[in-house]
Amino acid sequence: MRRFALGIGVLTVLLAGSLAVGKQVEKISLPVVRNLEQAVCLAQEGAGEAALRAVHTAQEQWHRGWQFLAAFADHEPMDEVDDLFGALRSYRPDSEEFIAYCRQLIQRTGAVIRDQSFSWWNLL
């Protein structure tokens, strides 16, 4: 009976940890997505400087949470996000490529959130 209780305790701690990691990933990544969506809207409206500031803010938020994400998340989508942020600097904010890269960043960041959000298959 003691081993059973210990096993249940360990599983409970793992479940709580999984929930906490999922919430923290959302807390880090959702502001990044919001700023990138804002950058897309601003770039489409022709406010290039404001779009660049929104992207810069998103990149700062991403790098601020990078170490935590690197400890728990798959590195491939994170590397893709870093590469897209790097490529985004080479385009003018009024270009279609800038908007396309922002949209790809939104999708990749959303993939990190989906991969780390709490679901039964993430517990396996």
C-alpha atoms as a PDB file:
ATOM      1  CA  MET A   1       0.000   0.000   0.000  1.00  0.00           C
ATOM      2  CA  ARG A   2       2.879   2.336   0.745  1.00  0.00           C
ATOM      3  CA  ARG A   3       4.363   1.880  -2.744  1.00  0.00           C
ATOM      4  CA  PHE A   4       0.970   2.525  -4.301  1.00  0.00           C
ATOM      5  CA  ALA A   5       0.632   5.794  -2.377  1.00  0.00           C
ATOM      6  CA  LEU A   6       4.170   6.769  -3.368  1.00  0.00           C
ATOM      7  CA  GLY A   7       3.362   6.061  -7.026  1.00  0.00           C
ATOM      8  CA  ILE A   8       0.187   8.128  -6.861  1.00  0.00           C
ATOM      9  CA  GLY A   9       2.169  10.930  -5.221  1.00  0.00           C
ATOM     10  CA  VAL A  10       4.800  10.886  -7.966  1.00  0.00           C
ATOM     11  CA  LEU A  11       2.131  10.917 -10.689  1.00  0.00           C
ATOM     12  CA  THR A  12       0.376  13.818  -8.979  1.00  0.00           C
ATOM     13  CA  VAL A  13       3.601  15.810  -8.875  1.00  0.00           C
ATOM     14  CA  LEU A  14       4.241  15.083 -12.563  1.00  0.00           C
ATOM     15  CA  LEU A  15       0.702  16.131 -13.471  1.00  0.00           C
ATOM     16  CA  ALA A  16       1.024  19.366 -11.498  1.00  0.00           C
ATOM     17  CA  GLY A  17       4.393  20.045 -13.100  1.00  0.00           C
ATOM     18  CA  SER A  18       2.956  19.468 -16.560  1.00  0.00           C
ATOM     19  CA  LEU A  19       0.110  21.881 -15.858  1.00  0.00           C
ATOM     20  CA  ALA A  20       2.536  24.498 -14.521  1.00  0.00           C
ATOM     21  CA  VAL A  21       4.853  24.206 -17.532  1.00  0.00           C
ATOM     22  CA  GLY A  22       1.921  24.501 -19.951  1.00  0.00           C
ATOM     23  CA  LYS A  23       0.660  27.636 -18.223  1.00  0.00           C
ATOM     24  CA  GLN A  24       4.129  29.188 -18.155  1.00  0.00           C
ATOM     25  CA  VAL A  25       4.675  28.468 -21.861  1.00  0.00           C
ATOM     26  CA  GLU A  26       1.387  30.210 -22.625  1.00  0.00           C
ATOM     27  CA  LYS A  27       2.361  33.107 -20.375  1.00  0.00           C
ATOM     28  CA  ILE A  28       5.631  33.532 -22.280  1.00  0.00           C
ATOM     29  CA  SER A  29       4.382  32.888 -25.818  1.00  0.00           C
ATOM     30  CA  LEU A  30       0.970  34.559 -25.998  1.00  0.00           C
ATOM     31  CA  PRO A  31       2.347  38.127 -25.675  1.00  0.00           C
ATOM     32  CA  VAL A  32       4.799  37.298 -28.475  1.00  0.00           C
ATOM     33  CA  VAL A  33       1.914  36.204 -30.699  1.00  0.00           C
ATOM     34  CA  ARG A  34      -0.097  39.323 -29.814  1.00  0.00           C
ATOM     35  CA  ASN A  35       2.798  41.632 -30.684  1.00  0.00           C
ATOM     36  CA  LEU A  36       3.407  39.844 -33.975  1.00  0.00           C
ATOM     37  CA  GLU A  37      -0.288  40.108 -34.869  1.00  0.00           C
ATOM     38  CA  GLN A  38      -0.093  43.804 -34.048  1.00  0.00           C
ATOM     39  CA  ALA A  39       2.987  44.112 -36.270  1.00  0.00           C
ATOM     40  CA  VAL A  40       1.088  42.536 -39.171  1.00  0.00           C
ATOM     41  CA  CYS A  41      -1.796  44.965 -38.742  1.00  0.00           C
ATOM     42  CA  LEU A  42       0.537  47.947 -38.477  1.00  0.00           C
ATOM     43  CA  ALA A  43       2.563  46.874 -41.514  1.00  0.00           C
ATOM     44  CA  GLN A  44      -0.618  46.504 -43.555  1.00  0.00           C
ATOM     45  CA  GLU A  45      -1.704  49.992 -42.496  1.00  0.00           C
ATOM     46  CA  GLY A  46       1.665  51.422 -43.547  1.00  0.00           C
ATOM     47  CA  ALA A  47       2.964  52.202 -40.041  1.00  0.00           C
ATOM     48  CA  GLY A  48       6.402  50.697 -40.608  1.00  0.00           C
ATOM     49  CA  GLU A  49       8.186  52.090 -37.564  1.00  0.00           C
ATOM     50  CA  ALA A  50       5.434  50.936 -35.222  1.00  0.00           C
ATOM     51  CA  ALA A  51       5.485  47.496 -36.867  1.00  0.00           C
ATOM     52  CA  LEU A  52       9.242  47.261 -36.297  1.00  0.00           C
ATOM     53  CA  ARG A  53       8.793  48.238 -32.641  1.00  0.00           C
ATOM     54  CA  ALA A  54       6.115  45.550 -32.224  1.00  0.00           C
ATOM     55  CA  VAL A  55       8.431  42.933 -33.758  1.00  0.00           C
ATOM     56  CA  HIS A  56      11.326  44.111 -31.585  1.00  0.00           C
ATOM     57  CA  THR A  57       9.120  43.832 -28.487  1.00  0.00           C
ATOM     58  CA  ALA A  58       8.017  40.337 -29.540  1.00  0.00           C
ATOM     59  CA  GLN A  59      11.628  39.287 -30.068  1.00  0.00           C
ATOM     60  CA  GLU A  60      12.644  40.631 -26.645  1.00  0.00           C
ATOM     61  CA  GLN A  61       9.772  38.749 -25.006  1.00  0.00           C
ATOM     62  CA  TRP A  62      10.731  35.579 -26.855  1.00  0.00           C
ATOM     63  CA  HIS A  63      14.365  35.792 -25.768  1.00  0.00           C
ATOM     64  CA  ARG A  64      13.402  36.660 -22.198  1.00  0.00           C
ATOM     65  CA  GLY A  65      11.552  33.338 -21.896  1.00  0.00           C
ATOM     66  CA  TRP A  66      13.899  31.326 -24.091  1.00  0.00           C
ATOM     67  CA  GLN A  67      15.823  29.561 -21.321  1.00  0.00           C
ATOM     68  CA  PHE A  68      12.650  28.328 -19.666  1.00  0.00           C
ATOM     69  CA  LEU A  69      11.223  27.181 -22.990  1.00  0.00           C
ATOM     70  CA  ALA A  70      14.497  25.482 -23.920  1.00  0.00           C
ATOM     71  CA  ALA A  71      14.340  23.414 -20.751  1.00  0.00           C
ATOM     72  CA  PHE A  72      10.947  21.923 -21.607  1.00  0.00           C
ATOM     73  CA  ALA A  73      10.084  22.471 -25.258  1.00  0.00           C
ATOM     74  CA  ASP A  74      11.259  20.797 -28.423  1.00  0.00           C
ATOM     75  CA  HIS A  75      14.213  22.757 -29.825  1.00  0.00           C
ATOM     76  CA  GLU A  76      13.317  22.450 -33.506  1.00  0.00           C
ATOM     77  CA  PRO A  77      10.299  24.822 -33.453  1.00  0.00           C
ATOM     78  CA  MET A  78      12.204  27.182 -31.166  1.00  0.00           C
ATOM     79  CA  ASP A  79      15.136  27.285 -33.588  1.00  0.00           C
ATOM     80  CA  GLU A  80      12.707  27.960 -36.437  1.00  0.00           C
ATOM     81  CA  VAL A  81      11.280  30.920 -34.512  1.00  0.00           C
ATOM     82  CA  ASP A  82      14.795  32.264 -33.883  1.00  0.00           C
ATOM     83  CA  ASP A  83      15.679  31.859 -37.566  1.00  0.00           C
ATOM     84  CA  LEU A  84      12.498  33.653 -38.637  1.00  0.00           C
ATOM     85  CA  PHE A  85      13.209  36.546 -36.268  1.00  0.00           C
ATOM     86  CA  GLY A  86      16.681  36.774 -37.807  1.00  0.00           C
ATOM     87  CA  ALA A  87      15.350  36.700 -41.369  1.00  0.00           C
ATOM     88  CA  LEU A  88      12.707  39.288 -40.565  1.00  0.00           C
ATOM     89  CA  ARG A  89      15.378  41.945 -39.989  1.00  0.00           C
ATOM     90  CA  SER A  90      16.363  41.882 -43.654  1.00  0.00           C
ATOM     91  CA  TYR A  91      12.948  43.057 -44.916  1.00  0.00           C
ATOM     92  CA  ARG A  92      11.350  46.476 -44.895  1.00  0.00           C
ATOM     93  CA  PRO A  93       8.182  46.645 -42.786  1.00  0.00           C
ATOM     94  CA  ASP A  94       6.126  47.794 -45.764  1.00  0.00           C
ATOM     95  CA  SER A  95       6.984  44.717 -47.838  1.00  0.00           C
ATOM     96  CA  GLU A  96       4.864  41.621 -48.338  1.00  0.00           C
ATOM     97  CA  GLU A  97       7.762  39.434 -47.221  1.00  0.00           C
ATOM     98  CA  PHE A  98       7.804  41.171 -43.836  1.00  0.00           C
ATOM     99  CA  ILE A  99       4.115  40.413 -43.359  1.00  0.00           C
ATOM    100  CA  ALA A 100       4.573  36.823 -44.559  1.00  0.00           C
ATOM    101  CA  TYR A 101       7.451  36.239 -42.123  1.00  0.00           C
ATOM    102  CA  CYS A 102       5.405  37.741 -39.288  1.00  0.00           C
ATOM    103  CA  ARG A 103       2.594  35.328 -40.100  1.00  0.00           C
ATOM    104  CA  GLN A 104       5.030  32.404 -40.158  1.00  0.00           C
ATOM    105  CA  LEU A 105       6.348  33.522 -36.776  1.00  0.00           C
ATOM    106  CA  ILE A 106       2.800  33.568 -35.429  1.00  0.00           C
ATOM    107  CA  GLN A 107       2.260  30.015 -36.693  1.00  0.00           C
ATOM    108  CA  ARG A 108       5.560  28.699 -35.313  1.00  0.00           C
ATOM    109  CA  THR A 109       5.053  30.330 -31.926  1.00  0.00           C
ATOM    110  CA  GLY A 110       1.544  28.907 -31.874  1.00  0.00           C
ATOM    111  CA  ALA A 111       3.041  25.485 -32.580  1.00  0.00           C
ATOM    112  CA  VAL A 112       5.276  25.812 -29.514  1.00  0.00           C
ATOM    113  CA  ILE A 113       2.209  26.690 -27.431  1.00  0.00           C
ATOM    114  CA  ARG A 114       0.221  23.755 -28.832  1.00  0.00           C
ATOM    115  CA  ASP A 115       3.088  21.330 -28.301  1.00  0.00           C
ATOM    116  CA  GLN A 116       3.504  22.300 -24.662  1.00  0.00           C
ATOM    117  CA  SER A 117      -0.116  22.893 -23.707  1.00  0.00           C
ATOM    118  CA  PHE A 118      -1.729  20.424 -21.367  1.00  0.00           C
ATOM    119  CA  SER A 119      -3.295  17.455 -23.137  1.00  0.00           C
ATOM    120  CA  TRP A 120      -3.419  13.752 -22.484  1.00  0.00           C
ATOM    121  CA  TRP A 121      -0.864  12.905 -25.187  1.00  0.00           C
ATOM    122  CA  ASN A 122       1.689  15.257 -23.598  1.00  0.00           C
ATOM    123  CA  LEU A 123       1.520  13.150 -20.444  1.00  0.00           C
ATOM    124  CA  LEU A 124       2.655   9.992 -22.218  1.00  0.00           C
END
